[in-house]
Protein backbone atom coordinates (compact mmCIF):
# COMPACT_ATOMS: atom_id res chain seq x y z
CA MET A 1 76.27 133.01 101.04
CA LYS A 2 75.33 129.11 101.58
CA LYS A 3 77.41 127.60 99.48
CA SER A 4 80.70 129.42 100.42
CA ILE A 5 80.39 129.40 104.18
CA LEU A 6 80.25 125.01 103.27
CA ILE A 7 83.24 124.64 101.24
CA LEU A 8 85.79 127.27 103.74
CA LEU A 9 83.52 125.07 106.96
CA CYS A 10 85.56 121.64 104.30
CA LEU A 11 88.54 123.26 103.75
CA GLY A 12 88.83 124.15 108.00
CA ILE A 13 87.67 120.59 109.12
CA LEU A 14 90.98 119.45 106.21
CA LEU A 15 92.97 121.40 108.16
CA VAL A 16 92.34 120.81 111.54
CA LEU A 17 92.31 116.79 110.76
CA PRO A 18 94.57 116.29 107.56
CA ASN A 19 95.86 112.84 108.80
CA LEU A 20 92.36 111.68 108.10
CA ALA A 21 91.52 113.40 104.86
CA VAL A 22 94.81 111.59 103.58
CA SER A 23 95.67 108.28 105.94
CA ASP A 24 95.48 104.88 104.09
CA CYS A 25 94.25 101.78 105.73
CA THR A 26 95.22 97.92 103.96
CA ASP A 27 93.94 94.47 105.08
CA PHE A 28 96.66 92.51 106.26
CA SER A 29 94.80 88.84 106.66
CA ARG A 30 96.67 87.21 103.34
CA VAL A 31 100.12 88.92 103.86
CA SER A 32 102.52 85.93 103.62
CA SER A 33 105.67 87.47 103.40
CA TRP A 34 107.84 90.82 104.17
CA TYR A 35 110.37 93.00 102.76
CA VAL A 36 112.38 95.13 104.40
CA GLN A 37 113.27 97.95 102.09
CA ASP A 38 115.36 99.78 104.08
CA GLU A 39 115.75 100.05 107.80
CA LYS A 40 112.05 102.59 108.35
CA THR A 41 110.10 100.69 105.43
CA ILE A 42 108.44 96.98 105.34
CA ILE A 43 106.89 95.83 102.09
CA GLY A 44 104.14 93.22 102.65
CA TYR A 45 103.80 90.79 100.40
CA ARG A 46 100.48 88.05 99.27
CA GLN A 47 102.46 85.65 97.70
CA ASN A 48 104.44 87.23 94.94
CA THR A 49 102.12 90.13 94.41
CA PRO A 50 102.88 93.39 96.40
CA VAL A 51 99.33 94.51 98.54
CA ALA A 52 101.01 97.74 100.67
CA LYS A 53 104.25 99.50 101.76
CA ILE A 54 105.32 100.70 105.74
CA VAL A 55 106.87 103.32 106.32
CA LEU A 56 108.23 103.57 110.17
CA GLN A 57 107.94 106.06 112.41
CA ASP A 58 110.21 105.41 115.81
CA CYS A 59 111.39 102.07 114.98
CA THR A 60 114.12 100.09 112.82
CA VAL A 61 113.67 97.37 111.59
CA ASN A 62 116.57 94.81 109.38
CA SER A 63 115.95 91.62 106.98
CA SER A 64 116.35 89.17 110.22
CA SER A 65 113.60 91.15 112.06
CA ASN A 66 110.35 89.57 113.71
CA ILE A 67 107.21 91.27 112.58
CA ARG A 68 104.30 90.77 113.82
CA LEU A 69 100.41 92.66 113.35
CA THR A 70 98.92 93.68 115.80
CA LYS A 71 95.87 93.46 113.91
CA SER A 72 94.39 92.17 110.59
CA TYR A 73 93.17 95.99 108.77
CA MET A 74 95.88 98.42 109.58
CA CYS A 75 96.05 101.81 108.82
CA ASP A 76 98.15 105.14 109.37
CA GLU A 77 99.35 105.21 113.48
CA ASP A 78 98.11 102.43 113.50
CA SER A 79 101.15 99.62 115.14
CA LEU A 80 102.98 96.63 114.71
CA ILE A 81 105.78 95.07 116.54
CA ILE A 82 108.71 94.41 115.53
CA ASP A 83 111.15 92.17 117.76
CA GLY A 84 109.32 92.44 120.50
CA GLN A 85 108.98 96.00 120.38
CA GLU A 86 105.44 98.24 119.78
CA CYS A 87 106.45 100.19 116.65
CA THR A 88 104.58 102.95 115.08
CA ILE A 89 103.47 102.90 111.48
CA MET A 90 104.13 106.74 109.77
CA THR A 91 102.01 105.80 106.87
CA ILE A 92 100.44 103.25 104.97
CA SER A 93 100.55 103.26 100.93
CA SER A 94 98.75 100.31 99.35
CA ALA A 95 99.09 98.52 96.08
CA SER A 96 96.48 99.34 94.33
CA GLY A 97 96.52 102.95 95.03
CA GLY A 98 99.78 102.68 92.65
CA SER A 99 101.85 104.52 94.73
CA PHE A 100 105.10 102.77 95.14
């Protein structure tokens, strides 16, 4: 009985807070360059190694855009500065997770 209540409680938390369960965070402190994949997607590189892919929610980016971090350790729904405008990150996929 207690085990099933605990399972239901955990499932309830996952349904209420899905971003907490699936959010990804990455350390961008050593990112040395950016590659703009498309108007919403940026890939950060440490020398020749990809670190993470960022998908933007409310901004567009192009190959000549000026990209600035607001902090070195970033997660989903944090923001960065593109061409002087604050842009919200929809998702971050870490390269170590092999998701891109």
